[in-house]
Amino acid sequence: MSAPADKRAALVERIRSGACAGERLGEVDLSGCDLSGVDLSDARLSGAALKGVDLSGANLRGAFFDGADLREANMRDAQLEFAVLGAADLSGADLSGANLQRANLVGTKALGARFDGARMYYSRPGNADFRNASLRGCDIQRAIFRRANLSGADLRDATGEANFENASMEGTLR
C-alpha cells in the first residue's frame, strides 16, 4: 500500500474503533468508505471529501460537516441531532429515517436527496437548495425553510407545521 492509502486505512480503523468522536479531522478524504454505525459525535469534518461514504446508522450528533462533500452518501438512519451541515453538498444523498432534529442545514445543497421519514423537527434548512428532493413522510414540525428552494420536491405525507417564508415551491408535491 502507498503511504496515503496506509494513512487513510489507519484513519478509517481509528474511526471504526470509536477513537475519533469529538476529534478535529478537518478536510480528510474518506470518499467511498464504509463507516456505517460509527461514532463521530461532535467530530469536526468541515470541508471533508465524503462522496459516496456509508454513514448509515452512524452517531453524528453535534458533528460539523459544514462545506463537506457528501454527494451520494448513505446516511440512512444516522443520528444528526444538532449537526452542522451548512453549505455542505448532499446532492443525491440518502438521509431516509435520519434524525436531523435541530440540525443546521443553512445553505446546504441537497439536489435530488432523499429525506423520506427523516425527523427534521426544528431544523434550519434556510437558503438551502432542495430541488427535486424527496421529503415524503418527513417530520418537518417547526423546521425553518425560509428562502429555501423546494422546486419539484416531494413533501407528500410530511407532517408538522414548518416555516416556508419566501421559499420557492414551484412544482412541489404536497
C-alpha atoms as a PDB file:
ATOM      1  CA  MET A   1       0.000   0.000   0.000  1.00  0.00           C
ATOM      2  CA  SER A   2       1.142   3.546  -0.660  1.00  0.00           C
ATOM      3  CA  ALA A   3       1.743   5.983   2.197  1.00  0.00           C
ATOM      4  CA  PRO A   4      -1.516   7.951   1.596  1.00  0.00           C
ATOM      5  CA  ALA A   5      -3.507   4.694   1.356  1.00  0.00           C
ATOM      6  CA  ASP A   6      -1.895   3.443   4.603  1.00  0.00           C
ATOM      7  CA  LYS A   7      -2.716   6.728   6.335  1.00  0.00           C
ATOM      8  CA  ARG A   8      -6.326   6.595   5.091  1.00  0.00           C
ATOM      9  CA  ALA A   9      -6.740   2.950   6.187  1.00  0.00           C
ATOM     10  CA  ALA A  10      -5.329   3.807   9.628  1.00  0.00           C
ATOM     11  CA  LEU A  11      -7.773   6.720   9.974  1.00  0.00           C
ATOM     12  CA  VAL A  12     -10.723   4.532   8.952  1.00  0.00           C
ATOM     13  CA  GLU A  13      -9.658   1.972  11.570  1.00  0.00           C
ATOM     14  CA  ARG A  14      -9.398   4.690  14.254  1.00  0.00           C
ATOM     15  CA  ILE A  15     -12.891   5.944  13.315  1.00  0.00           C
ATOM     16  CA  ARG A  16     -14.324   2.425  13.467  1.00  0.00           C
ATOM     17  CA  SER A  17     -12.769   1.911  16.910  1.00  0.00           C
ATOM     18  CA  GLY A  18     -14.627   4.985  18.215  1.00  0.00           C
ATOM     19  CA  ALA A  19     -11.434   6.955  18.853  1.00  0.00           C
ATOM     20  CA  CYS A  20     -12.457   9.948  16.713  1.00  0.00           C
ATOM     21  CA  ALA A  21     -15.603  11.155  18.486  1.00  0.00           C
ATOM     22  CA  GLY A  22     -15.082  14.842  19.230  1.00  0.00           C
ATOM     23  CA  GLU A  23     -11.881  14.991  17.183  1.00  0.00           C
ATOM     24  CA  ARG A  24     -10.968  17.631  14.580  1.00  0.00           C
ATOM     25  CA  LEU A  25     -10.497  15.614  11.398  1.00  0.00           C
ATOM     26  CA  GLY A  26     -10.618  18.584   9.014  1.00  0.00           C
ATOM     27  CA  GLU A  27     -10.541  18.203   5.260  1.00  0.00           C
ATOM     28  CA  VAL A  28      -9.878  14.463   5.115  1.00  0.00           C
ATOM     29  CA  ASP A  29     -10.809  12.358   2.083  1.00  0.00           C
ATOM     30  CA  LEU A  30     -12.938   9.402   3.125  1.00  0.00           C
ATOM     31  CA  SER A  31     -14.896   9.155  -0.115  1.00  0.00           C
ATOM     32  CA  GLY A  32     -16.477   5.745  -0.641  1.00  0.00           C
ATOM     33  CA  CYS A  33     -15.503   4.392   2.802  1.00  0.00           C
ATOM     34  CA  ASP A  34     -17.805   2.162   4.845  1.00  0.00           C
ATOM     35  CA  LEU A  35     -18.269   3.993   8.136  1.00  0.00           C
ATOM     36  CA  SER A  36     -21.685   2.555   8.902  1.00  0.00           C
ATOM     37  CA  GLY A  37     -22.593   2.581  12.580  1.00  0.00           C
ATOM     38  CA  VAL A  38     -19.531   4.571  13.712  1.00  0.00           C
ATOM     39  CA  ASP A  39     -19.495   7.177  16.483  1.00  0.00           C
ATOM     40  CA  LEU A  40     -18.362  10.540  15.139  1.00  0.00           C
ATOM     41  CA  SER A  41     -20.401  12.584  17.588  1.00  0.00           C
ATOM     42  CA  ASP A  42     -19.049  16.125  17.935  1.00  0.00           C
ATOM     43  CA  ALA A  43     -16.326  15.409  15.346  1.00  0.00           C
ATOM     44  CA  ARG A  44     -15.160  18.217  13.047  1.00  0.00           C
ATOM     45  CA  LEU A  45     -15.241  17.219   9.368  1.00  0.00           C
ATOM     46  CA  SER A  46     -15.571  20.713   7.894  1.00  0.00           C
ATOM     47  CA  GLY A  47     -14.706  20.655   4.194  1.00  0.00           C
ATOM     48  CA  ALA A  48     -14.151  16.873   4.167  1.00  0.00           C
ATOM     49  CA  ALA A  49     -14.437  14.831   0.956  1.00  0.00           C
ATOM     50  CA  LEU A  50     -17.066  12.193   1.777  1.00  0.00           C
ATOM     51  CA  LYS A  51     -18.637  11.461  -1.599  1.00  0.00           C
ATOM     52  CA  GLY A  52     -20.382   8.081  -1.558  1.00  0.00           C
ATOM     53  CA  VAL A  53     -19.425   7.382   2.071  1.00  0.00           C
ATOM     54  CA  ASP A  54     -21.619   4.955   4.025  1.00  0.00           C
ATOM     55  CA  LEU A  55     -22.576   6.592   7.332  1.00  0.00           C
ATOM     56  CA  SER A  56     -25.807   4.651   7.739  1.00  0.00           C
ATOM     57  CA  GLY A  57     -26.790   4.240  11.364  1.00  0.00           C
ATOM     58  CA  ALA A  58     -23.843   6.370  12.482  1.00  0.00           C
ATOM     59  CA  ASN A  59     -23.903   8.601  15.572  1.00  0.00           C
ATOM     60  CA  LEU A  60     -23.135  12.036  14.095  1.00  0.00           C
ATOM     61  CA  ARG A  61     -24.804  14.054  16.844  1.00  0.00           C
ATOM     62  CA  GLY A  62     -23.296  17.545  17.004  1.00  0.00           C
ATOM     63  CA  ALA A  63     -20.760  16.790  14.254  1.00  0.00           C
ATOM     64  CA  PHE A  64     -19.582  19.563  11.921  1.00  0.00           C
ATOM     65  CA  PHE A  65     -19.875  18.825   8.203  1.00  0.00           C
ATOM     66  CA  ASP A  66     -20.019  22.453   7.041  1.00  0.00           C
ATOM     67  CA  GLY A  67     -18.781  22.742   3.469  1.00  0.00           C
ATOM     68  CA  ALA A  68     -18.286  18.949   3.218  1.00  0.00           C
ATOM     69  CA  ASP A  69     -18.851  16.982   0.003  1.00  0.00           C
ATOM     70  CA  LEU A  70     -21.450  14.369   0.968  1.00  0.00           C
ATOM     71  CA  ARG A  71     -22.805  13.760  -2.521  1.00  0.00           C
ATOM     72  CA  GLU A  72     -24.406  10.325  -2.889  1.00  0.00           C
ATOM     73  CA  ALA A  73     -23.617   9.491   0.757  1.00  0.00           C
ATOM     74  CA  ASN A  74     -25.676   6.834   2.535  1.00  0.00           C
ATOM     75  CA  MET A  75     -26.781   8.429   5.795  1.00  0.00           C
ATOM     76  CA  ARG A  76     -29.904   6.343   6.324  1.00  0.00           C
ATOM     77  CA  ASP A  77     -30.981   6.222   9.970  1.00  0.00           C
ATOM     78  CA  ALA A  78     -27.993   8.353  11.047  1.00  0.00           C
ATOM     79  CA  GLN A  79     -28.263  10.394  14.244  1.00  0.00           C
ATOM     80  CA  LEU A  80     -27.602  14.005  13.219  1.00  0.00           C
ATOM     81  CA  GLU A  81     -29.237  15.984  16.027  1.00  0.00           C
ATOM     82  CA  PHE A  82     -27.550  19.375  16.391  1.00  0.00           C
ATOM     83  CA  ALA A  83     -25.203  18.564  13.480  1.00  0.00           C
ATOM     84  CA  VAL A  84     -23.878  21.411  11.352  1.00  0.00           C
ATOM     85  CA  LEU A  85     -24.267  20.741   7.629  1.00  0.00           C
ATOM     86  CA  GLY A  86     -24.231  24.368   6.489  1.00  0.00           C
ATOM     87  CA  ALA A  87     -23.096  24.767   2.860  1.00  0.00           C
ATOM     88  CA  ALA A  88     -22.493  21.001   2.597  1.00  0.00           C
ATOM     89  CA  ASP A  89     -23.316  19.248  -0.681  1.00  0.00           C
ATOM     90  CA  LEU A  90     -25.818  16.445  -0.019  1.00  0.00           C
ATOM     91  CA  SER A  91     -26.911  16.072  -3.644  1.00  0.00           C
ATOM     92  CA  GLY A  92     -28.096  12.537  -4.322  1.00  0.00           C
ATOM     93  CA  ALA A  93     -27.521  11.532  -0.683  1.00  0.00           C
ATOM     94  CA  ASP A  94     -29.931   9.248   1.178  1.00  0.00           C
ATOM     95  CA  LEU A  95     -30.896  10.513   4.632  1.00  0.00           C
ATOM     96  CA  SER A  96     -34.076   8.444   4.893  1.00  0.00           C
ATOM     97  CA  GLY A  97     -35.021   7.848   8.504  1.00  0.00           C
ATOM     98  CA  ALA A  98     -32.214  10.115   9.744  1.00  0.00           C
ATOM     99  CA  ASN A  99     -32.679  12.176  12.886  1.00  0.00           C
ATOM    100  CA  LEU A 100     -31.938  15.794  11.890  1.00  0.00           C
ATOM    101  CA  GLN A 101     -33.643  17.448  14.844  1.00  0.00           C
ATOM    102  CA  ARG A 102     -32.246  20.948  15.401  1.00  0.00           C
ATOM    103  CA  ALA A 103     -29.620  20.408  12.687  1.00  0.00           C
ATOM    104  CA  ASN A 104     -28.160  23.396  10.867  1.00  0.00           C
ATOM    105  CA  LEU A 105     -28.693  22.942   7.123  1.00  0.00           C
ATOM    106  CA  VAL A 106     -28.382  26.624   6.153  1.00  0.00           C
ATOM    107  CA  GLY A 107     -27.163  26.944   2.579  1.00  0.00           C
ATOM    108  CA  THR A 108     -26.993  23.186   2.071  1.00  0.00           C
ATOM    109  CA  LYS A 109     -27.228  21.827  -1.466  1.00  0.00           C
ATOM    110  CA  ALA A 110     -29.443  18.724  -1.484  1.00  0.00           C
ATOM    111  CA  LEU A 111     -30.457  18.277  -5.129  1.00  0.00           C
ATOM    112  CA  GLY A 112     -32.413  15.046  -5.506  1.00  0.00           C
ATOM    113  CA  ALA A 113     -31.517  13.939  -1.975  1.00  0.00           C
ATOM    114  CA  ARG A 114     -33.823  11.610  -0.018  1.00  0.00           C
ATOM    115  CA  PHE A 115     -35.085  12.580   3.432  1.00  0.00           C
ATOM    116  CA  ASP A 116     -38.040  10.156   3.459  1.00  0.00           C
ATOM    117  CA  GLY A 117     -39.254   9.550   7.006  1.00  0.00           C
ATOM    118  CA  ALA A 118     -36.500  11.753   8.454  1.00  0.00           C
ATOM    119  CA  ARG A 119     -37.093  13.758  11.619  1.00  0.00           C
ATOM    120  CA  MET A 120     -36.343  17.420  10.886  1.00  0.00           C
ATOM    121  CA  TYR A 121     -38.003  18.921  13.956  1.00  0.00           C
ATOM    122  CA  TYR A 122     -36.773  22.480  14.426  1.00  0.00           C
ATOM    123  CA  SER A 123     -34.015  22.042  11.833  1.00  0.00           C
ATOM    124  CA  ARG A 124     -32.785  25.097   9.948  1.00  0.00           C
ATOM    125  CA  PRO A 125     -32.640  24.412   6.198  1.00  0.00           C
ATOM    126  CA  GLY A 126     -32.979  28.091   5.257  1.00  0.00           C
ATOM    127  CA  ASN A 127     -31.407  29.271   2.000  1.00  0.00           C
ATOM    128  CA  ALA A 128     -30.879  25.601   1.128  1.00  0.00           C
ATOM    129  CA  ASP A 129     -31.419  24.009  -2.280  1.00  0.00           C
ATOM    130  CA  PHE A 130     -33.795  21.049  -2.047  1.00  0.00           C
ATOM    131  CA  ARG A 131     -34.798  20.964  -5.715  1.00  0.00           C
ATOM    132  CA  ASN A 132     -36.270  17.582  -6.637  1.00  0.00           C
ATOM    133  CA  ALA A 133     -35.538  16.210  -3.160  1.00  0.00           C
ATOM    134  CA  SER A 134     -37.867  13.704  -1.527  1.00  0.00           C
ATOM    135  CA  LEU A 135     -39.144  14.534   1.952  1.00  0.00           C
ATOM    136  CA  ARG A 136     -42.019  12.047   1.943  1.00  0.00           C
ATOM    137  CA  GLY A 137     -43.337  11.287   5.398  1.00  0.00           C
ATOM    138  CA  CYS A 138     -40.761  13.603   6.913  1.00  0.00           C
ATOM    139  CA  ASP A 139     -41.442  15.286  10.267  1.00  0.00           C
ATOM    140  CA  ILE A 140     -40.950  18.979   9.444  1.00  0.00           C
ATOM    141  CA  GLN A 141     -42.548  20.382  12.604  1.00  0.00           C
ATOM    142  CA  ARG A 142     -41.067  23.844  13.287  1.00  0.00           C
ATOM    143  CA  ALA A 143     -38.398  23.430  10.562  1.00  0.00           C
ATOM    144  CA  ILE A 144     -37.338  26.757   9.081  1.00  0.00           C
ATOM    145  CA  PHE A 145     -37.204  26.529   5.266  1.00  0.00           C
ATOM    146  CA  ARG A 146     -37.032  30.328   4.916  1.00  0.00           C
ATOM    147  CA  ARG A 147     -35.792  31.282   1.412  1.00  0.00           C
ATOM    148  CA  ALA A 148     -35.096  27.622   0.559  1.00  0.00           C
ATOM    149  CA  ASN A 149     -35.623  26.285  -2.958  1.00  0.00           C
ATOM    150  CA  LEU A 150     -38.026  23.338  -2.816  1.00  0.00           C
ATOM    151  CA  SER A 151     -38.975  23.390  -6.506  1.00  0.00           C
ATOM    152  CA  GLY A 152     -40.028  19.924  -7.603  1.00  0.00           C
ATOM    153  CA  ALA A 153     -39.566  18.494  -4.102  1.00  0.00           C
ATOM    154  CA  ASP A 154     -41.889  15.777  -2.836  1.00  0.00           C
ATOM    155  CA  LEU A 155     -43.428  16.683   0.530  1.00  0.00           C
ATOM    156  CA  ARG A 156     -46.312  14.218   0.399  1.00  0.00           C
ATOM    157  CA  ASP A 157     -47.228  12.802   3.789  1.00  0.00           C
ATOM    158  CA  ALA A 158     -44.826  15.221   5.539  1.00  0.00           C
ATOM    159  CA  THR A 159     -46.142  16.101   8.988  1.00  0.00           C
ATOM    160  CA  GLY A 160     -45.994  19.235  11.084  1.00  0.00           C
ATOM    161  CA  GLU A 161     -46.063  22.965  10.506  1.00  0.00           C
ATOM    162  CA  ALA A 162     -42.891  24.434   9.013  1.00  0.00           C
ATOM    163  CA  ASN A 163     -41.842  27.960   8.084  1.00  0.00           C
ATOM    164  CA  PHE A 164     -41.730  28.314   4.283  1.00  0.00           C
ATOM    165  CA  GLU A 165     -41.417  32.116   4.246  1.00  0.00           C
ATOM    166  CA  ASN A 166     -40.133  33.287   0.846  1.00  0.00           C
ATOM    167  CA  ALA A 167     -39.345  29.688  -0.162  1.00  0.00           C
ATOM    168  CA  SER A 168     -39.554  28.665  -3.817  1.00  0.00           C
ATOM    169  CA  MET A 169     -42.217  25.945  -4.001  1.00  0.00           C
ATOM    170  CA  GLU A 170     -42.850  25.682  -7.760  1.00  0.00           C
ATOM    171  CA  GLY A 171     -43.916  22.157  -8.703  1.00  0.00           C
ATOM    172  CA  THR A 172     -43.648  20.922  -5.120  1.00  0.00           C
ATOM    173  CA  LEU A 173     -45.788  17.855  -4.415  1.00  0.00           C
ATOM    174  CA  ARG A 174     -47.790  18.144  -1.181  1.00  0.00           C
END
